[in-house]
Amino acid sequence: MIMSTTPDIQGKEIKETLGIVRGNTIRARHLGRDITAILKTIIGGEIEDYTKLMGEAREQSIDRMKREAEKLGANAVVQVRFSTSYLLGGSAEILVYGTAVRVE
């Protein structure tokens, strides 16, 4: 599956536009990670546990979007975008979306 943030894919021709596809996940923080995060806000530095958590959430969202595109018969997704929303209780949603297309 080809994925691109641009409206086209260099060297490929879009033969059919199949529609909008998306994938999302909602992840909650962990109390143990919060304690580490509080310490990091005092002394500074990257909060590696949260970086890993958000990276995993992005990958899961991308996988879900790919599956939705494949169900439509797409072999590529263009105009891929990410959105993050903070939700109640220390949880966050990662949403990825784009346009499913068939290219040659």
N, C-alpha and C. Protein backbone atom coordinates (compact mmCIF):
# COMPACT_ATOMS: atom_id res chain seq x y z
N MET A 1 0.85 -1.18 0.00
CA MET A 1 0.00 0.00 0.00
C MET A 1 0.90 1.24 0.00
N ILE A 2 0.73 2.08 -1.01
CA ILE A 2 1.46 3.33 -1.08
C ILE A 2 0.68 4.38 -0.30
N MET A 3 1.38 5.15 0.51
CA MET A 3 0.73 6.23 1.24
C MET A 3 1.53 7.50 1.00
N SER A 4 0.80 8.62 0.81
CA SER A 4 1.46 9.88 0.50
C SER A 4 0.71 11.03 1.14
N THR A 5 1.46 12.03 1.58
CA THR A 5 0.83 13.24 2.10
C THR A 5 0.50 14.22 0.98
N THR A 6 0.95 13.91 -0.22
CA THR A 6 0.70 14.77 -1.39
C THR A 6 -0.56 14.31 -2.12
N PRO A 7 -1.11 15.15 -3.00
CA PRO A 7 -2.33 14.77 -3.72
C PRO A 7 -2.11 13.76 -4.84
N ASP A 8 -0.86 13.51 -5.18
CA ASP A 8 -0.56 12.52 -6.22
C ASP A 8 0.70 11.77 -5.82
N ILE A 9 1.04 10.76 -6.62
CA ILE A 9 2.22 9.95 -6.36
C ILE A 9 3.08 10.01 -7.61
N GLN A 10 4.27 10.53 -7.46
CA GLN A 10 5.16 10.69 -8.60
C GLN A 10 5.39 9.36 -9.31
N GLY A 11 5.22 9.38 -10.62
CA GLY A 11 5.42 8.18 -11.43
C GLY A 11 4.21 7.27 -11.50
N LYS A 12 3.13 7.63 -10.81
CA LYS A 12 1.90 6.83 -10.82
C LYS A 12 0.75 7.70 -11.30
N GLU A 13 -0.22 7.05 -11.91
CA GLU A 13 -1.42 7.76 -12.37
C GLU A 13 -2.62 7.27 -11.57
N ILE A 14 -3.35 8.19 -11.00
CA ILE A 14 -4.57 7.83 -10.26
C ILE A 14 -5.64 7.47 -11.27
N LYS A 15 -6.08 6.22 -11.22
CA LYS A 15 -7.10 5.73 -12.15
C LYS A 15 -8.50 5.85 -11.57
N GLU A 16 -8.60 5.79 -10.24
CA GLU A 16 -9.92 5.84 -9.61
C GLU A 16 -9.79 6.36 -8.18
N THR A 17 -10.69 7.25 -7.82
CA THR A 17 -10.78 7.74 -6.45
C THR A 17 -11.91 6.97 -5.77
N LEU A 18 -11.60 6.35 -4.64
CA LEU A 18 -12.55 5.44 -4.00
C LEU A 18 -13.22 6.03 -2.76
N GLY A 19 -12.68 7.11 -2.24
CA GLY A 19 -13.32 7.76 -1.11
C GLY A 19 -12.40 7.99 0.08
N ILE A 20 -12.94 8.65 1.08
CA ILE A 20 -12.19 8.97 2.29
C ILE A 20 -12.07 7.72 3.15
N VAL A 21 -10.89 7.53 3.70
CA VAL A 21 -10.65 6.43 4.64
C VAL A 21 -10.01 7.01 5.90
N ARG A 22 -10.22 6.32 7.00
CA ARG A 22 -9.67 6.80 8.25
C ARG A 22 -9.34 5.65 9.17
N GLY A 23 -8.53 5.94 10.14
CA GLY A 23 -8.22 4.99 11.20
C GLY A 23 -7.96 5.79 12.46
N ASN A 24 -8.40 5.28 13.58
CA ASN A 24 -8.15 6.01 14.82
C ASN A 24 -7.97 5.05 15.98
N THR A 25 -7.42 5.58 17.05
CA THR A 25 -7.29 4.85 18.30
C THR A 25 -7.30 5.88 19.42
N ILE A 26 -7.74 5.45 20.57
CA ILE A 26 -7.73 6.30 21.75
C ILE A 26 -6.89 5.59 22.80
N ARG A 27 -5.91 6.29 23.32
CA ARG A 27 -5.01 5.72 24.31
C ARG A 27 -5.09 6.52 25.60
N ALA A 28 -5.02 5.82 26.71
CA ALA A 28 -5.05 6.46 28.02
C ALA A 28 -3.67 6.38 28.66
N ARG A 29 -3.37 7.36 29.48
CA ARG A 29 -2.12 7.37 30.21
C ARG A 29 -2.17 6.33 31.32
N HIS A 30 -1.01 5.99 31.83
CA HIS A 30 -0.86 5.01 32.91
C HIS A 30 -0.34 5.75 34.13
N LEU A 31 -0.87 5.45 35.32
CA LEU A 31 -0.48 6.14 36.54
C LEU A 31 1.03 6.11 36.76
N GLY A 32 1.66 4.97 36.56
CA GLY A 32 3.11 4.87 36.72
C GLY A 32 3.85 5.80 35.78
N ARG A 33 3.36 5.91 34.55
CA ARG A 33 3.97 6.81 33.58
C ARG A 33 3.76 8.26 33.98
N ASP A 34 2.60 8.55 34.57
CA ASP A 34 2.32 9.92 35.01
C ASP A 34 3.32 10.38 36.07
N ILE A 35 3.69 9.50 36.97
CA ILE A 35 4.65 9.87 38.02
C ILE A 35 5.99 10.22 37.38
N THR A 36 6.43 9.40 36.44
CA THR A 36 7.67 9.69 35.72
C THR A 36 7.55 11.00 34.95
N ALA A 37 6.40 11.23 34.34
CA ALA A 37 6.19 12.46 33.56
C ALA A 37 6.26 13.69 34.46
N ILE A 38 5.70 13.61 35.64
CA ILE A 38 5.74 14.74 36.57
C ILE A 38 7.18 15.07 36.93
N LEU A 39 7.97 14.04 37.20
CA LEU A 39 9.38 14.26 37.50
C LEU A 39 10.11 14.90 36.32
N LYS A 40 9.79 14.43 35.11
CA LYS A 40 10.45 14.98 33.92
C LYS A 40 10.08 16.45 33.72
N THR A 41 8.86 16.85 34.08
CA THR A 41 8.48 18.25 33.91
C THR A 41 9.26 19.14 34.87
N ILE A 42 9.71 18.56 35.97
CA ILE A 42 10.50 19.33 36.94
C ILE A 42 11.96 19.43 36.49
N ILE A 43 12.54 18.30 36.09
CA ILE A 43 13.96 18.29 35.74
C ILE A 43 14.21 18.48 34.24
N GLY A 44 13.18 18.30 33.44
CA GLY A 44 13.31 18.47 32.00
C GLY A 44 13.68 17.16 31.30
N GLY A 45 13.48 17.14 30.01
CA GLY A 45 13.84 15.98 29.21
C GLY A 45 12.63 15.33 28.56
N GLU A 46 12.93 14.43 27.66
CA GLU A 46 11.88 13.71 26.92
C GLU A 46 11.22 12.68 27.83
N ILE A 47 9.92 12.55 27.67
CA ILE A 47 9.17 11.52 28.40
C ILE A 47 9.03 10.34 27.45
N GLU A 48 10.02 9.44 27.50
CA GLU A 48 10.13 8.35 26.53
C GLU A 48 8.90 7.44 26.52
N ASP A 49 8.32 7.18 27.68
CA ASP A 49 7.13 6.31 27.72
C ASP A 49 5.98 6.89 26.91
N TYR A 50 5.79 8.20 27.00
CA TYR A 50 4.72 8.84 26.24
C TYR A 50 5.05 8.89 24.75
N THR A 51 6.32 9.09 24.44
CA THR A 51 6.74 9.09 23.04
C THR A 51 6.43 7.72 22.42
N LYS A 52 6.77 6.66 23.14
CA LYS A 52 6.50 5.31 22.66
C LYS A 52 4.99 5.06 22.54
N LEU A 53 4.23 5.50 23.54
CA LEU A 53 2.78 5.32 23.53
C LEU A 53 2.14 5.98 22.31
N MET A 54 2.54 7.21 22.03
CA MET A 54 1.96 7.93 20.90
C MET A 54 2.43 7.34 19.57
N GLY A 55 3.67 6.87 19.50
CA GLY A 55 4.15 6.21 18.28
C GLY A 55 3.36 4.95 17.97
N GLU A 56 3.10 4.16 19.01
CA GLU A 56 2.30 2.94 18.83
C GLU A 56 0.88 3.30 18.39
N ALA A 57 0.33 4.35 18.96
CA ALA A 57 -1.02 4.78 18.59
C ALA A 57 -1.08 5.22 17.13
N ARG A 58 -0.06 5.95 16.68
CA ARG A 58 -0.02 6.36 15.26
C ARG A 58 0.03 5.15 14.34
N GLU A 59 0.89 4.18 14.66
CA GLU A 59 1.01 2.98 13.83
C GLU A 59 -0.30 2.20 13.78
N GLN A 60 -0.97 2.08 14.91
CA GLN A 60 -2.24 1.37 14.95
C GLN A 60 -3.29 2.09 14.10
N SER A 61 -3.31 3.42 14.17
CA SER A 61 -4.25 4.20 13.37
C SER A 61 -3.97 4.04 11.88
N ILE A 62 -2.69 4.06 11.50
CA ILE A 62 -2.32 3.87 10.10
C ILE A 62 -2.76 2.49 9.62
N ASP A 63 -2.52 1.46 10.42
CA ASP A 63 -2.93 0.10 10.04
C ASP A 63 -4.43 0.02 9.82
N ARG A 64 -5.19 0.67 10.68
CA ARG A 64 -6.66 0.65 10.53
C ARG A 64 -7.10 1.38 9.27
N MET A 65 -6.44 2.50 8.94
CA MET A 65 -6.77 3.22 7.72
C MET A 65 -6.44 2.37 6.49
N LYS A 66 -5.27 1.71 6.52
CA LYS A 66 -4.88 0.83 5.41
C LYS A 66 -5.92 -0.27 5.18
N ARG A 67 -6.37 -0.90 6.26
CA ARG A 67 -7.37 -1.97 6.12
C ARG A 67 -8.66 -1.44 5.50
N GLU A 68 -9.07 -0.24 5.90
CA GLU A 68 -10.27 0.35 5.33
C GLU A 68 -10.08 0.62 3.84
N ALA A 69 -8.90 1.11 3.46
CA ALA A 69 -8.61 1.38 2.05
C ALA A 69 -8.59 0.09 1.24
N GLU A 70 -8.00 -0.97 1.80
CA GLU A 70 -7.96 -2.26 1.11
C GLU A 70 -9.35 -2.82 0.89
N LYS A 71 -10.24 -2.62 1.85
CA LYS A 71 -11.63 -3.09 1.69
C LYS A 71 -12.32 -2.42 0.51
N LEU A 72 -11.90 -1.18 0.19
CA LEU A 72 -12.47 -0.46 -0.94
C LEU A 72 -11.79 -0.84 -2.26
N GLY A 73 -10.72 -1.63 -2.18
CA GLY A 73 -9.98 -2.02 -3.38
C GLY A 73 -8.86 -1.08 -3.75
N ALA A 74 -8.45 -0.23 -2.82
CA ALA A 74 -7.39 0.75 -3.09
C ALA A 74 -6.02 0.09 -3.01
N ASN A 75 -5.08 0.67 -3.74
CA ASN A 75 -3.68 0.26 -3.59
C ASN A 75 -2.81 1.44 -3.16
N ALA A 76 -3.48 2.57 -2.84
CA ALA A 76 -2.76 3.74 -2.35
C ALA A 76 -3.72 4.65 -1.59
N VAL A 77 -3.14 5.49 -0.73
CA VAL A 77 -3.90 6.52 -0.03
C VAL A 77 -3.11 7.82 -0.19
N VAL A 78 -3.78 8.86 -0.69
CA VAL A 78 -3.14 10.16 -0.87
C VAL A 78 -3.74 11.17 0.10
N GLN A 79 -3.05 12.30 0.23
CA GLN A 79 -3.48 13.37 1.14
C GLN A 79 -3.61 12.88 2.58
N VAL A 80 -2.69 12.05 3.03
CA VAL A 80 -2.74 11.50 4.38
C VAL A 80 -2.46 12.61 5.39
N ARG A 81 -3.31 12.68 6.41
CA ARG A 81 -3.19 13.68 7.46
C ARG A 81 -3.38 13.02 8.82
N PHE A 82 -2.79 13.62 9.84
CA PHE A 82 -2.93 13.17 11.22
C PHE A 82 -3.60 14.25 12.05
N SER A 83 -4.36 13.82 13.04
CA SER A 83 -4.97 14.73 13.99
C SER A 83 -4.90 14.09 15.37
N THR A 84 -4.61 14.90 16.37
CA THR A 84 -4.56 14.43 17.74
C THR A 84 -5.52 15.26 18.58
N SER A 85 -6.31 14.60 19.40
CA SER A 85 -7.24 15.29 20.28
C SER A 85 -7.05 14.80 21.70
N TYR A 86 -7.02 15.72 22.62
CA TYR A 86 -6.94 15.38 24.04
C TYR A 86 -8.36 15.14 24.54
N LEU A 87 -8.56 14.02 25.23
CA LEU A 87 -9.87 13.67 25.76
C LEU A 87 -9.84 13.69 27.28
N LEU A 88 -10.99 13.60 27.87
CA LEU A 88 -11.13 13.61 29.32
C LEU A 88 -10.33 12.50 29.98
N GLY A 89 -9.77 12.79 31.13
CA GLY A 89 -9.10 11.76 31.91
C GLY A 89 -7.72 11.38 31.44
N GLY A 90 -7.06 12.26 30.72
CA GLY A 90 -5.69 11.96 30.32
C GLY A 90 -5.58 11.00 29.16
N SER A 91 -6.60 10.90 28.34
CA SER A 91 -6.52 10.05 27.16
C SER A 91 -6.46 10.93 25.92
N ALA A 92 -5.94 10.36 24.85
CA ALA A 92 -5.79 11.10 23.59
C ALA A 92 -6.23 10.23 22.43
N GLU A 93 -6.81 10.87 21.43
CA GLU A 93 -7.18 10.18 20.20
C GLU A 93 -6.18 10.55 19.12
N ILE A 94 -5.75 9.55 18.38
CA ILE A 94 -4.95 9.76 17.17
C ILE A 94 -5.85 9.36 16.01
N LEU A 95 -6.03 10.27 15.08
CA LEU A 95 -6.84 10.03 13.89
C LEU A 95 -5.96 10.25 12.67
N VAL A 96 -5.98 9.31 11.75
CA VAL A 96 -5.29 9.47 10.47
C VAL A 96 -6.34 9.28 9.38
N TYR A 97 -6.26 10.12 8.34
CA TYR A 97 -7.26 10.04 7.27
C TYR A 97 -6.64 10.44 5.94
N GLY A 98 -7.28 10.02 4.89
CA GLY A 98 -6.79 10.34 3.55
C GLY A 98 -7.81 9.88 2.51
N THR A 99 -7.41 9.93 1.26
CA THR A 99 -8.27 9.54 0.14
C THR A 99 -7.74 8.24 -0.45
N ALA A 100 -8.58 7.22 -0.46
CA ALA A 100 -8.22 5.94 -1.05
C ALA A 100 -8.32 6.05 -2.56
N VAL A 101 -7.29 5.57 -3.24
CA VAL A 101 -7.25 5.61 -4.70
C VAL A 101 -6.70 4.31 -5.26
N ARG A 102 -6.95 4.11 -6.54
CA ARG A 102 -6.32 3.02 -7.27
C ARG A 102 -5.37 3.66 -8.28
N VAL A 103 -4.09 3.27 -8.21
CA VAL A 103 -3.09 3.85 -9.11
C VAL A 103 -2.48 2.77 -9.99
N GLU A 104 -1.92 3.22 -11.11
CA GLU A 104 -1.16 2.34 -12.02
C GLU A 104 0.19 2.95 -12.26
